[in-house]
N, C-alpha and C. Protein backbone atom coordinates (compact mmCIF):
# COMPACT_ATOMS: atom_id res chain seq x y z
N UNK A 1 -9.46 -13.93 0.73
CA UNK A 1 -9.61 -12.57 0.32
C UNK A 1 -8.24 -11.90 0.28
N UNK A 2 -8.15 -10.83 -0.47
CA UNK A 2 -6.87 -10.14 -0.62
C UNK A 2 -6.39 -9.53 0.69
N UNK A 3 -7.30 -9.16 1.57
CA UNK A 3 -6.89 -8.58 2.85
C UNK A 3 -6.06 -9.58 3.65
N UNK A 4 -6.37 -10.87 3.50
CA UNK A 4 -5.59 -11.89 4.20
C UNK A 4 -4.16 -11.93 3.69
N UNK A 5 -3.97 -11.73 2.39
CA UNK A 5 -2.62 -11.67 1.83
C UNK A 5 -1.88 -10.45 2.35
N UNK A 6 -2.54 -9.30 2.37
CA UNK A 6 -1.91 -8.09 2.88
C UNK A 6 -1.52 -8.27 4.35
N UNK A 7 -2.40 -8.86 5.13
CA UNK A 7 -2.10 -9.11 6.54
C UNK A 7 -0.90 -10.03 6.71
N UNK A 8 -0.79 -11.06 5.86
CA UNK A 8 0.34 -11.98 5.94
C UNK A 8 1.65 -11.27 5.59
N UNK A 9 1.60 -10.34 4.66
CA UNK A 9 2.80 -9.57 4.30
C UNK A 9 3.18 -8.65 5.45
N UNK A 10 2.20 -7.95 6.01
CA UNK A 10 2.47 -7.02 7.10
C UNK A 10 3.05 -7.75 8.30
N UNK A 11 2.55 -8.94 8.58
CA UNK A 11 3.05 -9.70 9.73
C UNK A 11 4.31 -10.51 9.38
N UNK A 12 4.81 -10.33 8.16
CA UNK A 12 6.05 -10.95 7.68
C UNK A 12 5.98 -12.47 7.64
N UNK A 13 4.76 -12.99 7.47
CA UNK A 13 4.60 -14.43 7.27
C UNK A 13 5.03 -14.81 5.85
N UNK A 14 4.81 -13.90 4.91
CA UNK A 14 5.22 -14.10 3.52
C UNK A 14 5.85 -12.82 3.00
N UNK A 15 6.61 -12.93 1.93
CA UNK A 15 7.16 -11.75 1.26
C UNK A 15 6.14 -11.25 0.25
N UNK A 16 6.01 -9.94 0.15
CA UNK A 16 5.09 -9.36 -0.81
C UNK A 16 5.80 -8.35 -1.70
N UNK A 17 5.40 -8.29 -2.94
CA UNK A 17 5.99 -7.39 -3.92
C UNK A 17 4.89 -6.63 -4.64
N UNK A 18 5.17 -5.38 -4.97
CA UNK A 18 4.23 -4.56 -5.74
C UNK A 18 4.88 -4.17 -7.05
N UNK A 19 4.09 -4.17 -8.11
CA UNK A 19 4.61 -3.71 -9.39
C UNK A 19 4.45 -2.19 -9.46
N UNK A 20 5.12 -1.58 -10.40
CA UNK A 20 5.12 -0.12 -10.52
C UNK A 20 3.71 0.43 -10.71
N UNK A 21 2.87 -0.25 -11.46
CA UNK A 21 1.52 0.27 -11.70
C UNK A 21 0.67 0.22 -10.43
N UNK A 22 0.97 -0.70 -9.55
CA UNK A 22 0.24 -0.77 -8.28
C UNK A 22 0.52 0.47 -7.45
N UNK A 23 1.77 0.92 -7.44
CA UNK A 23 2.13 2.10 -6.65
C UNK A 23 1.41 3.34 -7.16
N UNK A 24 1.32 3.49 -8.47
CA UNK A 24 0.61 4.66 -8.99
C UNK A 24 -0.88 4.57 -8.73
N UNK A 25 -1.43 3.38 -8.72
CA UNK A 25 -2.85 3.20 -8.41
C UNK A 25 -3.11 3.56 -6.95
N UNK A 26 -2.25 3.11 -6.05
CA UNK A 26 -2.38 3.46 -4.63
C UNK A 26 -2.29 4.97 -4.46
N UNK A 27 -1.33 5.58 -5.14
CA UNK A 27 -1.16 7.03 -5.07
C UNK A 27 -2.45 7.73 -5.52
N UNK A 28 -3.01 7.30 -6.61
CA UNK A 28 -4.24 7.90 -7.15
C UNK A 28 -5.40 7.76 -6.16
N UNK A 29 -5.59 6.58 -5.63
CA UNK A 29 -6.72 6.34 -4.72
C UNK A 29 -6.58 7.12 -3.43
N UNK A 30 -5.38 7.15 -2.86
CA UNK A 30 -5.18 7.87 -1.61
C UNK A 30 -5.26 9.37 -1.84
N UNK A 31 -4.76 9.85 -2.97
CA UNK A 31 -4.82 11.28 -3.28
C UNK A 31 -6.25 11.77 -3.37
N UNK A 32 -7.16 10.91 -3.76
CA UNK A 32 -8.56 11.29 -3.82
C UNK A 32 -9.12 11.59 -2.44
N UNK A 33 -8.47 11.09 -1.41
CA UNK A 33 -8.92 11.36 -0.04
C UNK A 33 -8.59 12.78 0.40
N UNK A 34 -7.74 13.47 -0.35
CA UNK A 34 -7.32 14.83 -0.02
C UNK A 34 -6.55 14.89 1.29
N UNK A 35 -5.96 13.78 1.71
CA UNK A 35 -5.16 13.74 2.93
C UNK A 35 -3.73 13.39 2.53
N UNK A 36 -2.92 14.40 2.32
CA UNK A 36 -1.56 14.19 1.81
C UNK A 36 -0.69 13.47 2.82
N UNK A 37 -0.91 13.68 4.12
CA UNK A 37 -0.10 12.97 5.12
C UNK A 37 -0.38 11.48 5.07
N UNK A 38 -1.63 11.10 4.86
CA UNK A 38 -1.96 9.68 4.72
C UNK A 38 -1.26 9.10 3.52
N UNK A 39 -1.24 9.84 2.42
CA UNK A 39 -0.54 9.40 1.22
C UNK A 39 0.92 9.12 1.54
N UNK A 40 1.58 10.03 2.24
CA UNK A 40 2.98 9.83 2.59
C UNK A 40 3.14 8.62 3.51
N UNK A 41 2.24 8.47 4.48
CA UNK A 41 2.33 7.34 5.40
C UNK A 41 2.18 6.01 4.67
N UNK A 42 1.33 5.96 3.67
CA UNK A 42 1.09 4.73 2.93
C UNK A 42 2.29 4.39 2.04
N UNK A 43 2.88 5.40 1.42
CA UNK A 43 3.93 5.15 0.44
C UNK A 43 5.33 5.03 1.02
N UNK A 44 5.54 5.49 2.25
CA UNK A 44 6.87 5.40 2.85
C UNK A 44 7.09 3.97 3.34
N UNK A 45 8.17 3.38 2.88
CA UNK A 45 8.51 2.02 3.28
C UNK A 45 9.51 2.10 4.41
N UNK A 46 9.22 1.42 5.52
CA UNK A 46 10.14 1.43 6.66
C UNK A 46 10.83 0.12 6.81
């Protein structure tokens, strides 16, 4: 499942890359939650 890939990226087992359209899709989906702080937390790369 895709969650396993995301978990592997988060745990730095593998490198993960997002394309530009993925970022706008994430922005759109999170913005629908009406929680702007969550949007910032998701999009800020540390």
